[in-house]
Amino acid sequence: MSIKIVRLNSGEEILCDMVVEDGKYTLKKPLIIIPAQGGQIGFMSWMPYADTDDGVTISEDFVAFTIEPMKELVSEYKSQTSDVIIPDSTLSTVGPSLKLTE
């Protein structure tokens, strides 16, 4: 996975799994980044009316730049686009530990 933020010439910022080949960008499972109140951001499917799981291919002419997202955005992207729930590794276990016995 190569998760990137892609800034399009239109001003849209897309969080996606990006593949670059022959001057074309394929944006897999793209989420648009939406600014919200209080300096927060939200995510929404970039094209909710289309099946974009296999990717949307665009010409490099439409891309202003690409950049590495913060690790928190990568974690959120993975949780939003995966069927598997990934626990936060920073959480500590509360309660007794379970051990296997024979």
Protein backbone atom coordinates (compact mmCIF):
# COMPACT_ATOMS: atom_id res chain seq x y z
CA MET A 1 0.00 0.00 0.00
CA SER A 2 1.19 3.47 -0.86
CA ILE A 3 -1.22 5.74 0.98
CA LYS A 4 -0.89 9.35 -0.14
CA ILE A 5 -2.71 12.66 -0.14
CA VAL A 6 -3.26 13.72 -3.74
CA ARG A 7 -4.05 17.39 -4.32
CA LEU A 8 -5.89 17.81 -7.61
CA ASN A 9 -5.77 20.98 -9.69
CA SER A 10 -9.45 21.42 -8.80
CA GLY A 11 -8.44 21.90 -5.14
CA GLU A 12 -9.79 18.54 -3.95
CA GLU A 13 -7.55 16.64 -1.55
CA ILE A 14 -7.88 12.87 -1.88
CA LEU A 15 -6.59 10.31 0.62
CA CYS A 16 -6.00 7.06 -1.24
CA ASP A 17 -3.84 4.08 -2.03
CA MET A 18 -1.94 5.50 -5.01
CA VAL A 19 -0.16 3.74 -7.88
CA VAL A 20 1.78 5.67 -10.56
CA GLU A 21 2.45 4.10 -13.96
CA ASP A 22 3.26 5.65 -17.33
CA GLY A 23 2.28 9.18 -16.30
CA LYS A 24 -1.07 8.05 -14.92
CA TYR A 25 -2.18 8.00 -11.30
CA THR A 26 -4.50 5.25 -10.09
CA LEU A 27 -6.32 6.27 -6.91
CA LYS A 28 -7.63 3.18 -5.11
CA LYS A 29 -10.37 3.46 -2.48
CA PRO A 30 -10.26 7.27 -2.64
CA LEU A 31 -11.64 9.38 0.21
CA ILE A 32 -12.04 13.13 -0.11
CA ILE A 33 -10.74 15.14 2.84
CA ILE A 34 -13.36 17.63 4.02
CA PRO A 35 -12.47 20.53 6.35
CA ALA A 36 -14.81 20.81 9.35
CA GLN A 37 -15.29 23.30 12.16
CA GLY A 38 -12.66 23.73 14.84
CA GLY A 39 -9.74 22.76 12.61
CA GLN A 40 -11.01 19.19 12.28
CA ILE A 41 -11.41 17.16 9.11
CA GLY A 42 -13.81 14.54 7.86
CA PHE A 43 -13.73 11.90 5.15
CA MET A 44 -16.25 10.96 2.50
CA SER A 45 -16.11 8.60 -0.44
CA TRP A 46 -14.73 10.65 -3.34
CA MET A 47 -17.26 9.31 -5.83
CA PRO A 48 -19.98 7.66 -3.75
CA TYR A 49 -22.06 6.90 -6.84
CA ALA A 50 -19.29 4.82 -8.48
CA ASP A 51 -17.38 1.65 -7.66
CA THR A 52 -13.88 3.00 -6.99
CA ASP A 53 -12.43 0.03 -5.11
CA ASP A 54 -10.33 -1.00 -8.13
CA GLY A 55 -9.23 2.60 -8.58
CA VAL A 56 -9.82 5.69 -10.63
CA THR A 57 -7.09 6.44 -13.17
CA ILE A 58 -6.32 10.09 -13.89
CA SER A 59 -3.67 11.84 -15.95
CA GLU A 60 -0.73 13.49 -14.18
CA ASP A 61 -1.96 16.78 -15.72
CA PHE A 62 -4.77 16.82 -13.12
CA VAL A 63 -2.43 16.35 -10.12
CA ALA A 64 -1.00 19.43 -8.42
CA PHE A 65 1.10 17.40 -5.96
CA THR A 66 1.20 14.31 -3.76
CA ILE A 67 2.39 14.15 -0.16
CA GLU A 68 2.78 11.64 2.67
CA PRO A 69 -0.11 11.82 5.16
CA MET A 70 0.37 11.95 8.92
CA LYS A 71 0.36 8.51 10.56
CA GLU A 72 -3.01 9.28 12.19
CA LEU A 73 -4.53 9.81 8.74
CA VAL A 74 -3.04 6.53 7.50
CA SER A 75 -4.55 4.72 10.49
CA GLU A 76 -7.95 6.35 9.92
CA TYR A 77 -7.79 5.56 6.20
CA LYS A 78 -7.10 1.90 6.90
CA SER A 79 -9.97 1.69 9.38
CA GLN A 80 -12.36 3.45 6.95
CA THR A 81 -11.47 1.30 3.93
CA SER A 82 -10.90 -2.11 5.51
CA ASP A 83 -13.40 -4.75 6.53
CA VAL A 84 -11.04 -5.70 9.35
CA ILE A 85 -11.08 -3.68 12.56
CA ILE A 86 -7.52 -2.75 13.51
CA PRO A 87 -7.08 -2.01 17.22
CA ASP A 88 -5.17 1.08 18.26
CA SER A 89 -1.73 -0.10 19.39
CA THR A 90 -1.48 2.78 21.87
CA LEU A 91 -4.40 1.48 23.94
CA SER A 92 -3.54 -0.41 27.08
CA THR A 93 -5.33 -3.55 28.21
CA VAL A 94 -7.61 -3.03 31.17
CA GLY A 95 -8.60 -5.94 33.39
CA PRO A 96 -7.06 -9.28 34.18
CA SER A 97 -4.85 -11.06 31.71
CA LEU A 98 -6.12 -14.37 30.39
CA LYS A 99 -3.80 -17.36 30.27
CA LEU A 100 -4.21 -20.74 28.64
CA THR A 101 -4.03 -23.79 30.89
CA GLU A 102 -3.61 -27.42 30.01
